């Protein structure tokens, strides 16, 4: 409810690091590394902001599914 603060950013990055693919979060035209919680926190993602998650690599589908579930659980 407060957007992507420390706890959700850490959870996202922790989960993202389980996958081999490259993971990025797009927010307001900027691209942030999804495997680094500090980089995600610098995005200042607020409640109701739209983000796009990009996964590129061998396990991209699995990563996208898992990260999508995580994001839905944070809502």
C-alpha atoms as a PDB file:
ATOM      1  CA  UNK A   1       0.000   0.000   0.000  1.00  0.00           C
ATOM      2  CA  UNK A   2       3.025   2.304   0.274  1.00  0.00           C
ATOM      3  CA  UNK A   3       4.551   1.282  -3.015  1.00  0.00           C
ATOM      4  CA  UNK A   4       7.906  -0.416  -3.422  1.00  0.00           C
ATOM      5  CA  UNK A   5       9.631   0.394  -0.151  1.00  0.00           C
ATOM      6  CA  UNK A   6      12.438  -1.646   1.458  1.00  0.00           C
ATOM      7  CA  UNK A   7      10.551  -4.874   2.177  1.00  0.00           C
ATOM      8  CA  UNK A   8       8.924  -5.389  -1.255  1.00  0.00           C
ATOM      9  CA  UNK A   9      12.071  -4.290  -3.096  1.00  0.00           C
ATOM     10  CA  UNK A  10      14.129  -6.781  -1.102  1.00  0.00           C
ATOM     11  CA  UNK A  11      11.579  -9.547  -1.713  1.00  0.00           C
ATOM     12  CA  UNK A  12      11.510  -8.790  -5.445  1.00  0.00           C
ATOM     13  CA  UNK A  13      15.311  -8.712  -5.779  1.00  0.00           C
ATOM     14  CA  UNK A  14      15.718 -11.841  -3.671  1.00  0.00           C
ATOM     15  CA  UNK A  15      13.286 -13.754  -5.863  1.00  0.00           C
ATOM     16  CA  UNK A  16      14.769 -12.304  -9.063  1.00  0.00           C
ATOM     17  CA  UNK A  17      18.228 -13.532  -8.044  1.00  0.00           C
ATOM     18  CA  UNK A  18      16.986 -17.131  -8.120  1.00  0.00           C
ATOM     19  CA  UNK A  19      16.829 -16.930 -11.902  1.00  0.00           C
ATOM     20  CA  UNK A  20      19.598 -16.814 -14.498  1.00  0.00           C
ATOM     21  CA  UNK A  21      17.841 -14.421 -16.869  1.00  0.00           C
ATOM     22  CA  UNK A  22      18.293 -10.646 -16.872  1.00  0.00           C
ATOM     23  CA  UNK A  23      15.439  -8.871 -15.084  1.00  0.00           C
ATOM     24  CA  UNK A  24      14.550  -5.201 -15.376  1.00  0.00           C
ATOM     25  CA  UNK A  25      11.721  -3.014 -14.090  1.00  0.00           C
ATOM     26  CA  UNK A  26      10.544  -0.106 -16.229  1.00  0.00           C
ATOM     27  CA  UNK A  27       8.993   2.854 -14.412  1.00  0.00           C
ATOM     28  CA  UNK A  28       8.275   6.328 -15.811  1.00  0.00           C
ATOM     29  CA  UNK A  29      10.552   5.721 -18.789  1.00  0.00           C
ATOM     30  CA  UNK A  30      13.531   4.584 -16.725  1.00  0.00           C
ATOM     31  CA  UNK A  31      14.943   1.064 -16.483  1.00  0.00           C
ATOM     32  CA  UNK A  32      16.045  -0.441 -13.168  1.00  0.00           C
ATOM     33  CA  UNK A  33      17.913  -3.666 -12.457  1.00  0.00           C
ATOM     34  CA  UNK A  34      15.473  -6.091 -10.859  1.00  0.00           C
ATOM     35  CA  UNK A  35      18.106  -8.085  -8.998  1.00  0.00           C
ATOM     36  CA  UNK A  36      19.289  -5.136  -6.891  1.00  0.00           C
ATOM     37  CA  UNK A  37      16.996  -3.918  -4.119  1.00  0.00           C
ATOM     38  CA  UNK A  38      18.779  -0.562  -3.814  1.00  0.00           C
ATOM     39  CA  UNK A  39      18.345   0.061  -7.523  1.00  0.00           C
ATOM     40  CA  UNK A  40      14.646  -0.796  -7.269  1.00  0.00           C
ATOM     41  CA  UNK A  41      14.199   1.540  -4.293  1.00  0.00           C
ATOM     42  CA  UNK A  42      15.732   4.363  -6.332  1.00  0.00           C
ATOM     43  CA  UNK A  43      12.788   4.013  -8.751  1.00  0.00           C
ATOM     44  CA  UNK A  44      10.429   5.498  -6.138  1.00  0.00           C
ATOM     45  CA  UNK A  45       7.548   3.265  -7.251  1.00  0.00           C
ATOM     46  CA  UNK A  46       4.421   4.486  -5.503  1.00  0.00           C
ATOM     47  CA  UNK A  47       1.061   2.845  -4.916  1.00  0.00           C
ATOM     48  CA  UNK A  48      -0.969   2.625  -8.155  1.00  0.00           C
ATOM     49  CA  UNK A  49       2.084   3.359 -10.340  1.00  0.00           C
ATOM     50  CA  UNK A  50       2.370   1.168 -13.402  1.00  0.00           C
ATOM     51  CA  UNK A  51       5.536  -0.828 -13.924  1.00  0.00           C
ATOM     52  CA  UNK A  52       6.698  -3.201 -16.612  1.00  0.00           C
ATOM     53  CA  UNK A  53       8.832  -6.211 -15.732  1.00  0.00           C
ATOM     54  CA  UNK A  54      11.172  -7.495 -18.438  1.00  0.00           C
ATOM     55  CA  UNK A  55      12.850 -10.882 -18.247  1.00  0.00           C
ATOM     56  CA  UNK A  56      15.359 -11.962 -20.907  1.00  0.00           C
ATOM     57  CA  UNK A  57      17.121 -15.316 -20.878  1.00  0.00           C
ATOM     58  CA  UNK A  58      16.804 -19.059 -20.556  1.00  0.00           C
ATOM     59  CA  UNK A  59      14.367 -19.104 -17.629  1.00  0.00           C
ATOM     60  CA  UNK A  60      12.483 -15.904 -18.439  1.00  0.00           C
ATOM     61  CA  UNK A  61       9.012 -17.516 -18.379  1.00  0.00           C
ATOM     62  CA  UNK A  62       9.547 -19.026 -14.943  1.00  0.00           C
ATOM     63  CA  UNK A  63      10.928 -15.727 -13.654  1.00  0.00           C
ATOM     64  CA  UNK A  64       8.026 -13.719 -15.058  1.00  0.00           C
ATOM     65  CA  UNK A  65       5.473 -16.110 -13.555  1.00  0.00           C
ATOM     66  CA  UNK A  66       7.117 -16.064 -10.117  1.00  0.00           C
ATOM     67  CA  UNK A  67       7.604 -12.284 -10.059  1.00  0.00           C
ATOM     68  CA  UNK A  68       4.037 -11.733 -11.249  1.00  0.00           C
ATOM     69  CA  UNK A  69       2.749 -13.846  -8.362  1.00  0.00           C
ATOM     70  CA  UNK A  70       4.911 -11.877  -5.938  1.00  0.00           C
ATOM     71  CA  UNK A  71       3.645  -8.533  -7.234  1.00  0.00           C
ATOM     72  CA  UNK A  72       0.028  -9.702  -6.980  1.00  0.00           C
ATOM     73  CA  UNK A  73       0.598 -10.822  -3.391  1.00  0.00           C
ATOM     74  CA  UNK A  74       1.895  -7.331  -2.503  1.00  0.00           C
ATOM     75  CA  UNK A  75      -1.282  -5.602  -3.700  1.00  0.00           C
END
